Every structure is written in structure tokens, then in C-alpha cells.
């Protein structure tokens, strides 16, 4: 795992995690859920479903819900139909996210997208391998 912090930022809640159904995204989801397990904090987890359409998003939401089923986390799901940096940055702001957890080597979030995203957000980013 790699934590990317801009000067003056620290980990915050709620956490957001990008989920595309890959094994590394499953790990990222569990890491995000574990990080959010602080009794005094908001335990809502924002799960950003990286899917090409709403049907695929429903499948991914079911998978994510199954992975989180035995935990106390409340998940809110949002659909991302592409790795559009401005759209993702807007969702993170609207949801009031404090930390973004990303699956490293995700096909949807290539290096150029990640670099552009880091230029548009002031959140800590945890890359999960």
C-alpha cells in the first residue's frame, strides 16, 4: 500500500473507495472498511462503482455488499461510468469524503488519470496493491 498525502492533509472520514470487481479492488474495499472502523467516526463508506452501465453496476454493488455483509459499515453506492477526473472529484466533494482508497493497477484508473486526479483533489489517497 502507498499513502499519498498533500501538505496539510490528514486521513479523514467518510472514506471513499473505487470498486471495479477486480481482486485488488476487493482488497481496497476491505482496507477502506477496516480504516473506517473508528467508533467515534462516521462509519459510512462511499463505494464508487466503476461500471460501463447500470446493469454492471448492480452486479458490482451486489459483490461489494456481500463482502461487507458481516460488518457494521453502512455503504452508499455511486456509479462511475468512466474514469473522468472532474466527475470523480465532484462526487468526492459532494459526498464530503475525507480519504480516497484506490485499487492500484486498476484498468479504469491508469497512471495518467491518477496524476490528473491528484491535481484536482485535496484528499489523502491510499493505493492498495
C-alpha atoms as a PDB file:
ATOM      1  CA  UNK A   1       0.000   0.000   0.000  1.00  0.00           C
ATOM      2  CA  UNK A   2       1.050   3.556  -0.674  1.00  0.00           C
ATOM      3  CA  UNK A   3      -0.368   6.604   1.085  1.00  0.00           C
ATOM      4  CA  UNK A   4      -0.264   9.882  -0.835  1.00  0.00           C
ATOM      5  CA  UNK A   5      -0.677  12.964   1.348  1.00  0.00           C
ATOM      6  CA  UNK A   6      -0.553  16.571   0.237  1.00  0.00           C
ATOM      7  CA  UNK A   7       0.975  19.018   2.671  1.00  0.00           C
ATOM      8  CA  UNK A   8      -1.504  19.904   5.388  1.00  0.00           C
ATOM      9  CA  UNK A   9      -3.839  16.951   4.817  1.00  0.00           C
ATOM     10  CA  UNK A  10      -4.589  14.010   7.073  1.00  0.00           C
ATOM     11  CA  UNK A  11      -6.770  10.924   6.891  1.00  0.00           C
ATOM     12  CA  UNK A  12     -10.438  11.714   7.316  1.00  0.00           C
ATOM     13  CA  UNK A  13     -13.895  10.204   7.083  1.00  0.00           C
ATOM     14  CA  UNK A  14     -16.038   9.252   5.381  1.00  0.00           C
ATOM     15  CA  UNK A  15     -13.829   7.114   3.216  1.00  0.00           C
ATOM     16  CA  UNK A  16     -14.488   6.531  -0.460  1.00  0.00           C
ATOM     17  CA  UNK A  17     -13.276   3.504  -2.371  1.00  0.00           C
ATOM     18  CA  UNK A  18     -13.306   2.761  -6.092  1.00  0.00           C
ATOM     19  CA  UNK A  19     -14.617  -0.744  -6.761  1.00  0.00           C
ATOM     20  CA  UNK A  20     -14.450  -2.437 -10.176  1.00  0.00           C
ATOM     21  CA  UNK A  21     -14.781  -6.086  -9.133  1.00  0.00           C
ATOM     22  CA  UNK A  22     -11.105  -6.950  -9.552  1.00  0.00           C
ATOM     23  CA  UNK A  23      -9.217  -8.821  -6.817  1.00  0.00           C
ATOM     24  CA  UNK A  24      -7.221  -5.688  -5.957  1.00  0.00           C
ATOM     25  CA  UNK A  25     -10.488  -3.702  -5.739  1.00  0.00           C
ATOM     26  CA  UNK A  26     -11.823  -6.308  -3.295  1.00  0.00           C
ATOM     27  CA  UNK A  27      -8.719  -5.747  -1.147  1.00  0.00           C
ATOM     28  CA  UNK A  28      -9.182  -1.969  -1.422  1.00  0.00           C
ATOM     29  CA  UNK A  29     -12.803  -2.315  -0.286  1.00  0.00           C
ATOM     30  CA  UNK A  30     -11.830  -4.326   2.798  1.00  0.00           C
ATOM     31  CA  UNK A  31      -8.941  -1.969   3.628  1.00  0.00           C
ATOM     32  CA  UNK A  32     -11.287   1.027   3.369  1.00  0.00           C
ATOM     33  CA  UNK A  33     -13.857  -0.685   5.557  1.00  0.00           C
ATOM     34  CA  UNK A  34     -11.221  -1.509   8.175  1.00  0.00           C
ATOM     35  CA  UNK A  35      -9.857   2.046   8.171  1.00  0.00           C
ATOM     36  CA  UNK A  36     -13.345   3.399   8.739  1.00  0.00           C
ATOM     37  CA  UNK A  37     -13.950   1.330  11.868  1.00  0.00           C
ATOM     38  CA  UNK A  38     -13.398   4.058  14.436  1.00  0.00           C
ATOM     39  CA  UNK A  39     -16.261   4.161  16.968  1.00  0.00           C
ATOM     40  CA  UNK A  40     -16.343   7.946  17.199  1.00  0.00           C
ATOM     41  CA  UNK A  41     -16.229   8.493  13.423  1.00  0.00           C
ATOM     42  CA  UNK A  42     -18.769   8.359  10.631  1.00  0.00           C
ATOM     43  CA  UNK A  43     -18.676   4.714   9.552  1.00  0.00           C
ATOM     44  CA  UNK A  44     -20.326   5.364   6.198  1.00  0.00           C
ATOM     45  CA  UNK A  45     -18.293   4.052   3.296  1.00  0.00           C
ATOM     46  CA  UNK A  46     -18.792   5.602  -0.132  1.00  0.00           C
ATOM     47  CA  UNK A  47     -18.364   2.825  -2.711  1.00  0.00           C
ATOM     48  CA  UNK A  48     -17.739   4.208  -6.189  1.00  0.00           C
ATOM     49  CA  UNK A  49     -18.770   1.508  -8.641  1.00  0.00           C
ATOM     50  CA  UNK A  50     -16.630   1.668 -11.787  1.00  0.00           C
ATOM     51  CA  UNK A  51     -19.024   0.199 -14.355  1.00  0.00           C
ATOM     52  CA  UNK A  52     -19.831   0.762 -18.007  1.00  0.00           C
ATOM     53  CA  UNK A  53     -23.598   0.618 -17.405  1.00  0.00           C
ATOM     54  CA  UNK A  54     -26.229   0.330 -14.686  1.00  0.00           C
ATOM     55  CA  UNK A  55     -26.581  -3.439 -15.128  1.00  0.00           C
ATOM     56  CA  UNK A  56     -22.877  -3.980 -14.426  1.00  0.00           C
ATOM     57  CA  UNK A  57     -23.147  -1.523 -11.522  1.00  0.00           C
ATOM     58  CA  UNK A  58     -25.889  -3.663  -9.944  1.00  0.00           C
ATOM     59  CA  UNK A  59     -23.633  -6.718 -10.198  1.00  0.00           C
ATOM     60  CA  UNK A  60     -20.733  -4.823  -8.609  1.00  0.00           C
ATOM     61  CA  UNK A  61     -22.977  -3.457  -5.864  1.00  0.00           C
ATOM     62  CA  UNK A  62     -24.093  -6.992  -5.031  1.00  0.00           C
ATOM     63  CA  UNK A  63     -20.484  -8.170  -4.864  1.00  0.00           C
ATOM     64  CA  UNK A  64     -19.454  -5.255  -2.654  1.00  0.00           C
ATOM     65  CA  UNK A  65     -22.483  -5.715  -0.394  1.00  0.00           C
ATOM     66  CA  UNK A  66     -21.581  -9.399   0.017  1.00  0.00           C
ATOM     67  CA  UNK A  67     -18.024  -8.508   1.001  1.00  0.00           C
ATOM     68  CA  UNK A  68     -19.318  -6.010   3.573  1.00  0.00           C
ATOM     69  CA  UNK A  69     -22.252  -8.137   4.801  1.00  0.00           C
ATOM     70  CA  UNK A  70     -20.785  -9.223   8.152  1.00  0.00           C
ATOM     71  CA  UNK A  71     -19.535  -5.772   9.082  1.00  0.00           C
ATOM     72  CA  UNK A  72     -21.092  -2.743  10.769  1.00  0.00           C
ATOM     73  CA  UNK A  73     -20.336  -0.393   7.910  1.00  0.00           C
ATOM     74  CA  UNK A  74     -23.102   1.499   6.148  1.00  0.00           C
ATOM     75  CA  UNK A  75     -22.279   1.737   2.442  1.00  0.00           C
ATOM     76  CA  UNK A  76     -23.531   4.322  -0.045  1.00  0.00           C
ATOM     77  CA  UNK A  77     -23.045   3.373  -3.670  1.00  0.00           C
ATOM     78  CA  UNK A  78     -22.381   5.754  -6.562  1.00  0.00           C
ATOM     79  CA  UNK A  79     -21.967   4.831 -10.215  1.00  0.00           C
ATOM     80  CA  UNK A  80     -18.867   5.908 -12.127  1.00  0.00           C
ATOM     81  CA  UNK A  81     -19.273   5.159 -15.814  1.00  0.00           C
ATOM     82  CA  UNK A  82     -15.785   6.337 -16.702  1.00  0.00           C
ATOM     83  CA  UNK A  83     -12.582   7.440 -15.073  1.00  0.00           C
ATOM     84  CA  UNK A  84     -13.442  11.094 -15.689  1.00  0.00           C
ATOM     85  CA  UNK A  85     -11.301  13.048 -13.250  1.00  0.00           C
ATOM     86  CA  UNK A  86     -13.611  16.044 -12.880  1.00  0.00           C
ATOM     87  CA  UNK A  87     -16.677  13.836 -12.335  1.00  0.00           C
ATOM     88  CA  UNK A  88     -14.841  11.791  -9.710  1.00  0.00           C
ATOM     89  CA  UNK A  89     -13.552  14.938  -7.981  1.00  0.00           C
ATOM     90  CA  UNK A  90     -17.105  16.348  -7.922  1.00  0.00           C
ATOM     91  CA  UNK A  91     -18.520  13.162  -6.379  1.00  0.00           C
ATOM     92  CA  UNK A  92     -15.831  13.180  -3.693  1.00  0.00           C
ATOM     93  CA  UNK A  93     -16.637  16.793  -2.849  1.00  0.00           C
ATOM     94  CA  UNK A  94     -20.430  16.318  -2.835  1.00  0.00           C
ATOM     95  CA  UNK A  95     -20.108  13.243  -0.609  1.00  0.00           C
ATOM     96  CA  UNK A  96     -17.769  15.109   1.764  1.00  0.00           C
ATOM     97  CA  UNK A  97     -15.128  12.392   1.541  1.00  0.00           C
ATOM     98  CA  UNK A  98     -12.094  12.587   3.791  1.00  0.00           C
ATOM     99  CA  UNK A  99      -9.911   9.869   2.237  1.00  0.00           C
ATOM    100  CA  UNK A 100      -9.932   8.073  -1.117  1.00  0.00           C
ATOM    101  CA  UNK A 101      -8.892   4.420  -1.339  1.00  0.00           C
ATOM    102  CA  UNK A 102      -7.944   3.223  -4.826  1.00  0.00           C
ATOM    103  CA  UNK A 103      -7.050  -0.188  -6.179  1.00  0.00           C
ATOM    104  CA  UNK A 104      -3.572   0.112  -7.675  1.00  0.00           C
ATOM    105  CA  UNK A 105      -3.174  -1.143 -11.209  1.00  0.00           C
ATOM    106  CA  UNK A 106      -6.884  -0.806 -11.901  1.00  0.00           C
ATOM    107  CA  UNK A 107      -7.639  -0.869 -15.617  1.00  0.00           C
ATOM    108  CA  UNK A 108     -10.006   2.057 -15.116  1.00  0.00           C
ATOM    109  CA  UNK A 109      -7.563   4.252 -13.211  1.00  0.00           C
ATOM    110  CA  UNK A 110      -4.395   4.375 -15.230  1.00  0.00           C
ATOM    111  CA  UNK A 111      -1.376   6.428 -14.149  1.00  0.00           C
ATOM    112  CA  UNK A 112      -2.348   9.478 -16.217  1.00  0.00           C
ATOM    113  CA  UNK A 113      -5.819   9.508 -14.638  1.00  0.00           C
ATOM    114  CA  UNK A 114      -4.348   9.154 -11.158  1.00  0.00           C
ATOM    115  CA  UNK A 115      -1.928  12.052 -11.697  1.00  0.00           C
ATOM    116  CA  UNK A 116      -4.741  14.256 -13.019  1.00  0.00           C
ATOM    117  CA  UNK A 117      -6.964  13.262 -10.104  1.00  0.00           C
ATOM    118  CA  UNK A 118      -4.291  14.196  -7.568  1.00  0.00           C
ATOM    119  CA  UNK A 119      -4.137  17.654  -9.145  1.00  0.00           C
ATOM    120  CA  UNK A 120      -7.894  18.146  -8.618  1.00  0.00           C
ATOM    121  CA  UNK A 121      -8.441  16.859  -5.078  1.00  0.00           C
ATOM    122  CA  UNK A 122      -7.025  17.748  -1.683  1.00  0.00           C
ATOM    123  CA  UNK A 123      -7.679  14.364  -0.097  1.00  0.00           C
ATOM    124  CA  UNK A 124      -5.291  11.715   1.127  1.00  0.00           C
ATOM    125  CA  UNK A 125      -5.198   8.820  -1.338  1.00  0.00           C
ATOM    126  CA  UNK A 126      -4.365   5.267  -0.311  1.00  0.00           C
ATOM    127  CA  UNK A 127      -3.282   3.000  -3.176  1.00  0.00           C
ATOM    128  CA  UNK A 128      -3.915  -0.648  -2.343  1.00  0.00           C
ATOM    129  CA  UNK A 129      -1.898  -3.341  -4.107  1.00  0.00           C
END
